């Protein structure tokens, strides 16, 4: 049995559905790479309760969540 780590977006979706990581640090490093996609516009855009929200990139990590997944050997 092993624990793997991944990051959820503010909407609750994994930032990459196919990749999880051996350590929390690796997962947050992937988050930093993913966040670069939004640098040109300067914020992350989402909708909450029917309202468009612009999350500044320096606050985006606070809106995301580190999760764990347990894998069992085949």
Protein backbone atom coordinates (compact mmCIF):
# COMPACT_ATOMS: atom_id res chain seq x y z
CA UNK A 1 0.00 0.00 0.00
CA UNK A 2 1.34 3.46 -0.85
CA UNK A 3 0.08 7.00 -0.42
CA UNK A 4 0.09 9.31 -3.43
CA UNK A 5 -0.60 13.05 -3.56
CA UNK A 6 -2.44 15.36 -5.94
CA UNK A 7 -3.83 18.92 -6.01
CA UNK A 8 -7.46 19.97 -6.49
CA UNK A 9 -8.38 23.20 -8.28
CA UNK A 10 -10.73 25.70 -6.61
CA UNK A 11 -13.58 23.88 -8.41
CA UNK A 12 -12.54 20.54 -6.90
CA UNK A 13 -10.96 18.92 -9.98
CA UNK A 14 -7.45 17.41 -10.02
CA UNK A 15 -5.01 19.66 -11.88
CA UNK A 16 -3.90 16.52 -13.73
CA UNK A 17 -6.18 13.50 -13.69
CA UNK A 18 -3.47 11.11 -14.86
CA UNK A 19 -0.59 12.02 -12.57
CA UNK A 20 -0.21 11.79 -8.84
CA UNK A 21 2.98 12.14 -6.81
CA UNK A 22 5.09 10.34 -4.24
CA UNK A 23 5.42 13.41 -1.98
CA UNK A 24 3.38 16.52 -1.17
CA UNK A 25 6.34 18.61 -2.38
CA UNK A 26 6.18 17.03 -5.83
CA UNK A 27 2.44 17.72 -6.01
CA UNK A 28 2.93 21.40 -5.11
CA UNK A 29 5.74 21.65 -7.68
CA UNK A 30 3.30 20.44 -10.32
CA UNK A 31 0.83 23.07 -9.07
CA UNK A 32 3.46 25.79 -9.65
CA UNK A 33 3.95 24.57 -13.23
CA UNK A 34 0.17 24.42 -13.79
CA UNK A 35 -0.25 27.95 -12.38
CA UNK A 36 2.13 29.31 -15.04
CA UNK A 37 -0.64 28.75 -17.63
CA UNK A 38 -2.46 31.73 -16.11
CA UNK A 39 0.47 34.17 -15.85
CA UNK A 40 -0.37 35.98 -19.07
CA UNK A 41 -3.83 36.98 -17.84
CA UNK A 42 -2.57 37.49 -14.28
CA UNK A 43 -5.30 35.61 -12.45
CA UNK A 44 -7.25 32.35 -12.30
CA UNK A 45 -10.88 32.70 -13.33
CA UNK A 46 -13.74 30.58 -12.00
CA UNK A 47 -17.44 30.81 -11.23
CA UNK A 48 -18.93 30.47 -7.74
CA UNK A 49 -22.65 30.77 -7.03
CA UNK A 50 -23.20 32.19 -10.50
CA UNK A 51 -20.59 34.93 -10.07
CA UNK A 52 -17.31 35.17 -12.00
CA UNK A 53 -14.35 35.28 -9.62
CA UNK A 54 -10.80 36.30 -10.50
CA UNK A 55 -8.31 34.77 -8.07
CA UNK A 56 -4.93 36.55 -8.02
CA UNK A 57 -2.15 34.07 -8.73
CA UNK A 58 -0.44 34.86 -5.43
CA UNK A 59 -3.65 33.66 -3.65
CA UNK A 60 -4.38 30.66 -5.87
CA UNK A 61 -2.53 28.11 -3.71
CA UNK A 62 -4.78 29.05 -0.77
CA UNK A 63 -7.81 28.12 -2.90
CA UNK A 64 -6.44 24.72 -3.93
CA UNK A 65 -6.20 21.59 -1.83
CA UNK A 66 -3.63 18.83 -1.39
CA UNK A 67 -5.28 15.41 -1.34
CA UNK A 68 -4.07 11.87 -0.81
CA UNK A 69 -4.92 8.68 -2.61
CA UNK A 70 -4.01 5.20 -1.37
CA UNK A 71 -2.82 2.71 -3.94
CA UNK A 72 -2.69 -0.99 -3.34
CA UNK A 73 -0.20 -3.26 -5.10
CA UNK A 74 -1.55 -5.34 -7.98
